[in-house]
Amino acid sequence: RFPDGYNPSYRDSGFDDNDLKDVREMWWYKLLEDYKMNLLVNCSYSGSTVCNTGYNGADATATSFITRMKTWIGEQRKTDPKPDIIFVFGGTNDSWADSPIGELKYSSWTTNDLNSFLPAYCYMLYYLKKWNPGATIICITNTGLKPAISSGIEAACQHYGLLNIKPTSLAKLSGHPSIAGMEQIKNAIEDVLK
């Protein structure tokens, strides 16, 4: 199931020099096929940030990860089937958008805290665990992020006892994983799942 307006490839998204042309080339689609998994929801679209600060300092509350999670796999969806595995691949747009980084914070989040990446990321992991008990949460850290974002993701994952997959290199075109990069992401996840 995909949210309205979701474009699962870059074909019509302005990334003309990326070689991805079909949803079957995406890392998560390949993983679903290899493991015969069912997809409940995919919310990876529109250059969204984890925190509520987007590009050019704009208010991204309507599209941030921490807003979407409540609608799709949180308290607003509490009677629907729960996921067995949740993949979190966030931080890229926060890094590119120069969203405020902030400090790691594991409780008592304020509205202002959620405008910065690190406290918002911590809040997201806490929330996902709370509303999806029993689900395995696997974080993936992109290459080329600001060092404070990469190290903050690692620290937050350690705090919450979550796996953080960190590919050492990813093939990219236009800054986004290419077909080869998608295969590298899938392989890194499969190495852990095996």
Protein backbone atom coordinates (compact mmCIF):
# COMPACT_ATOMS: atom_id res chain seq x y z
CA ARG A 1 0.00 0.00 0.00
CA PHE A 2 1.37 3.40 -0.97
CA PRO A 3 0.18 6.82 0.18
CA ASP A 4 -1.58 8.92 -2.47
CA GLY A 5 0.87 10.62 -4.80
CA TYR A 6 3.68 8.15 -4.12
CA ASN A 7 6.01 7.71 -7.08
CA PRO A 8 8.04 4.52 -6.51
CA SER A 9 10.73 5.39 -9.06
CA TYR A 10 12.61 8.49 -10.12
CA ARG A 11 11.33 8.36 -13.71
CA ASP A 12 8.96 11.33 -13.33
CA SER A 13 10.59 12.95 -10.33
CA GLY A 14 13.23 15.15 -11.95
CA PHE A 15 16.10 12.67 -11.48
CA ASP A 16 16.57 12.02 -15.19
CA ASP A 17 20.15 10.86 -14.87
CA ASN A 18 19.34 8.12 -12.34
CA ASP A 19 19.00 4.71 -13.95
CA LEU A 20 16.05 3.57 -11.78
CA LYS A 21 13.00 3.16 -13.98
CA ASP A 22 10.88 0.51 -12.29
CA VAL A 23 9.64 -0.13 -8.75
CA ARG A 24 11.11 -3.65 -8.99
CA GLU A 25 14.59 -2.07 -8.91
CA MET A 26 14.12 -0.58 -5.42
CA TRP A 27 15.96 -2.22 -2.51
CA TRP A 28 12.81 -2.84 -0.50
CA TYR A 29 10.96 -4.43 -3.43
CA LYS A 30 13.88 -6.80 -4.05
CA LEU A 31 13.92 -7.67 -0.34
CA LEU A 32 10.19 -8.38 -0.35
CA GLU A 33 10.63 -10.75 -3.28
CA ASP A 34 13.67 -12.54 -1.83
CA TYR A 35 11.99 -13.17 1.53
CA LYS A 36 8.38 -13.49 0.36
CA MET A 37 7.36 -10.63 2.65
CA ASN A 38 4.18 -8.58 2.48
CA LEU A 39 4.39 -4.80 2.40
CA LEU A 40 2.01 -3.04 4.78
CA VAL A 41 3.01 0.53 3.90
CA ASN A 42 5.84 2.49 2.31
CA CYS A 43 6.16 6.13 3.31
CA SER A 44 9.41 6.97 1.51
CA TYR A 45 8.55 9.86 -0.78
CA SER A 46 8.72 13.62 -1.34
CA GLY A 47 12.15 14.45 0.06
CA SER A 48 10.84 14.35 3.60
CA THR A 49 12.89 15.08 6.67
CA VAL A 50 12.72 13.16 9.94
CA CYS A 51 12.35 16.40 11.89
CA ASN A 52 9.80 19.15 11.33
CA THR A 53 12.28 21.50 9.61
CA GLY A 54 12.60 21.05 5.87
CA TYR A 55 14.46 22.70 3.02
CA ASN A 56 15.16 26.44 3.35
CA GLY A 57 14.05 26.24 6.97
CA ALA A 58 10.44 25.60 5.95
CA ASP A 59 7.96 24.04 8.35
CA ALA A 60 7.84 20.38 7.30
CA THR A 61 5.49 19.18 10.01
CA ALA A 62 2.91 17.97 7.49
CA THR A 63 5.40 15.68 5.70
CA SER A 64 8.02 14.76 8.31
CA PHE A 65 8.74 11.18 9.35
CA ILE A 66 7.51 11.93 12.86
CA THR A 67 4.11 13.02 11.49
CA ARG A 68 3.75 10.20 8.97
CA MET A 69 4.58 7.47 11.48
CA LYS A 70 1.55 8.39 13.58
CA THR A 71 -0.78 8.02 10.62
CA TRP A 72 0.70 4.88 9.09
CA ILE A 73 2.13 2.77 11.91
CA GLY A 74 1.25 4.57 15.10
CA GLU A 75 -1.59 5.49 17.39
CA GLN A 76 -3.94 6.57 14.59
CA ARG A 77 -3.73 3.06 13.09
CA LYS A 78 -3.81 1.02 16.27
CA THR A 79 -6.50 -1.45 15.15
CA ASP A 80 -4.83 -2.34 11.83
CA PRO A 81 -2.31 -5.19 11.42
CA LYS A 82 1.05 -4.44 12.99
CA PRO A 83 4.32 -4.86 11.11
CA ASP A 84 6.81 -7.60 11.93
CA ILE A 85 9.73 -5.53 10.60
CA ILE A 86 10.04 -1.76 10.30
CA PHE A 87 12.86 -0.33 8.19
CA VAL A 88 13.86 3.26 8.98
CA PHE A 89 16.03 4.88 6.31
CA GLY A 90 16.05 8.52 7.38
CA GLY A 91 18.39 11.45 7.77
CA THR A 92 19.37 12.06 4.16
CA ASN A 93 17.02 14.97 3.59
CA ASP A 94 17.73 16.40 7.05
CA SER A 95 21.42 16.43 6.08
CA TRP A 96 20.82 17.92 2.63
CA ALA A 97 18.28 20.48 3.89
CA ASP A 98 20.64 21.74 6.61
CA SER A 99 17.92 21.06 9.17
CA PRO A 100 19.05 21.91 12.69
CA ILE A 101 20.90 18.92 14.16
CA GLY A 102 20.31 19.51 17.87
CA GLU A 103 21.30 17.08 20.62
CA LEU A 104 20.35 13.50 21.43
CA LYS A 105 17.36 13.52 23.77
CA TYR A 106 15.57 10.41 25.00
CA SER A 107 12.54 11.80 26.85
CA SER A 108 10.45 14.90 27.57
CA TRP A 109 10.48 16.14 23.97
CA THR A 110 9.06 19.59 23.32
CA THR A 111 7.54 20.84 20.07
CA ASN A 112 10.70 22.86 19.55
CA ASP A 113 12.89 19.76 20.05
CA LEU A 114 11.14 18.08 17.13
CA ASN A 115 12.35 20.82 14.79
CA SER A 116 15.89 19.39 15.08
CA PHE A 117 17.09 16.08 13.68
CA LEU A 118 18.66 14.29 16.67
CA PRO A 119 15.85 14.78 19.19
CA ALA A 120 13.29 14.02 16.45
CA TYR A 121 15.14 10.82 15.50
CA CYS A 122 15.22 9.69 19.13
CA TYR A 123 11.52 10.49 19.51
CA MET A 124 10.76 8.53 16.33
CA LEU A 125 12.55 5.40 17.55
CA TYR A 126 10.88 5.63 20.97
CA TYR A 127 7.46 6.07 19.33
CA LEU A 128 7.90 3.23 16.84
CA LYS A 129 8.85 0.86 19.66
CA LYS A 130 5.93 1.99 21.82
CA TRP A 131 3.24 1.58 19.15
CA ASN A 132 4.67 -1.52 17.50
CA PRO A 133 5.60 -3.86 20.34
CA GLY A 134 7.25 -7.01 19.09
CA ALA A 135 8.25 -5.50 15.74
CA THR A 136 11.90 -5.67 14.73
CA ILE A 137 13.07 -2.15 13.91
CA ILE A 138 16.05 -1.94 11.58
CA CYS A 139 17.65 1.42 10.86
CA ILE A 140 19.72 2.09 7.76
CA THR A 141 22.22 4.94 7.61
CA ASN A 142 22.92 6.41 4.19
CA THR A 143 26.44 7.26 3.07
CA GLY A 144 27.52 10.88 2.69
CA LEU A 145 25.56 12.31 5.61
CA LYS A 146 26.88 15.00 7.92
CA PRO A 147 29.06 13.24 10.52
CA ALA A 148 26.88 14.50 13.41
CA ILE A 149 23.83 12.90 11.80
CA SER A 150 25.56 9.56 11.13
CA SER A 151 27.03 9.34 14.62
CA GLY A 152 23.75 10.48 16.18
CA ILE A 153 21.81 7.74 14.38
CA GLU A 154 24.32 5.19 15.67
CA ALA A 155 24.08 6.49 19.25
CA ALA A 156 20.26 6.55 19.19
CA CYS A 157 20.14 2.99 17.84
CA GLN A 158 22.49 1.83 20.59
CA HIS A 159 20.37 3.57 23.23
CA TYR A 160 17.20 1.85 22.05
CA GLY A 161 18.89 -1.49 21.34
CA LEU A 162 18.17 -1.34 17.60
CA LEU A 163 20.19 -2.58 14.68
CA ASN A 164 21.78 0.10 12.50
CA ILE A 165 22.94 -1.03 9.07
CA LYS A 166 25.67 1.20 7.67
CA PRO A 167 26.71 0.38 4.11
CA THR A 168 30.30 1.50 3.60
CA SER A 169 29.67 2.65 0.04
CA LEU A 170 26.65 3.03 -2.22
CA ALA A 171 26.55 3.56 -5.97
CA LYS A 172 24.58 6.75 -6.61
CA LEU A 173 23.40 8.96 -9.45
CA SER A 174 22.04 12.46 -8.71
CA GLY A 175 22.82 11.76 -5.05
CA HIS A 176 20.31 8.90 -4.92
CA PRO A 177 21.10 5.18 -4.99
CA SER A 178 21.24 3.82 -8.52
CA ILE A 179 20.19 0.31 -9.50
CA ALA A 180 23.60 -0.89 -8.27
CA GLY A 181 23.17 1.10 -5.04
CA MET A 182 19.76 -0.42 -4.43
CA GLU A 183 21.32 -3.87 -4.76
CA GLN A 184 24.04 -2.86 -2.26
CA ILE A 185 21.41 -1.75 0.27
CA LYS A 186 19.43 -4.97 -0.16
CA ASN A 187 22.59 -7.06 0.22
CA ALA A 188 23.62 -5.23 3.39
CA ILE A 189 20.20 -5.93 4.92
CA GLU A 190 20.24 -9.55 3.80
CA ASP A 191 23.66 -10.05 5.38
CA VAL A 192 22.06 -9.11 8.70
CA LEU A 193 18.82 -11.05 8.20
CA LYS A 194 20.76 -14.23 7.40
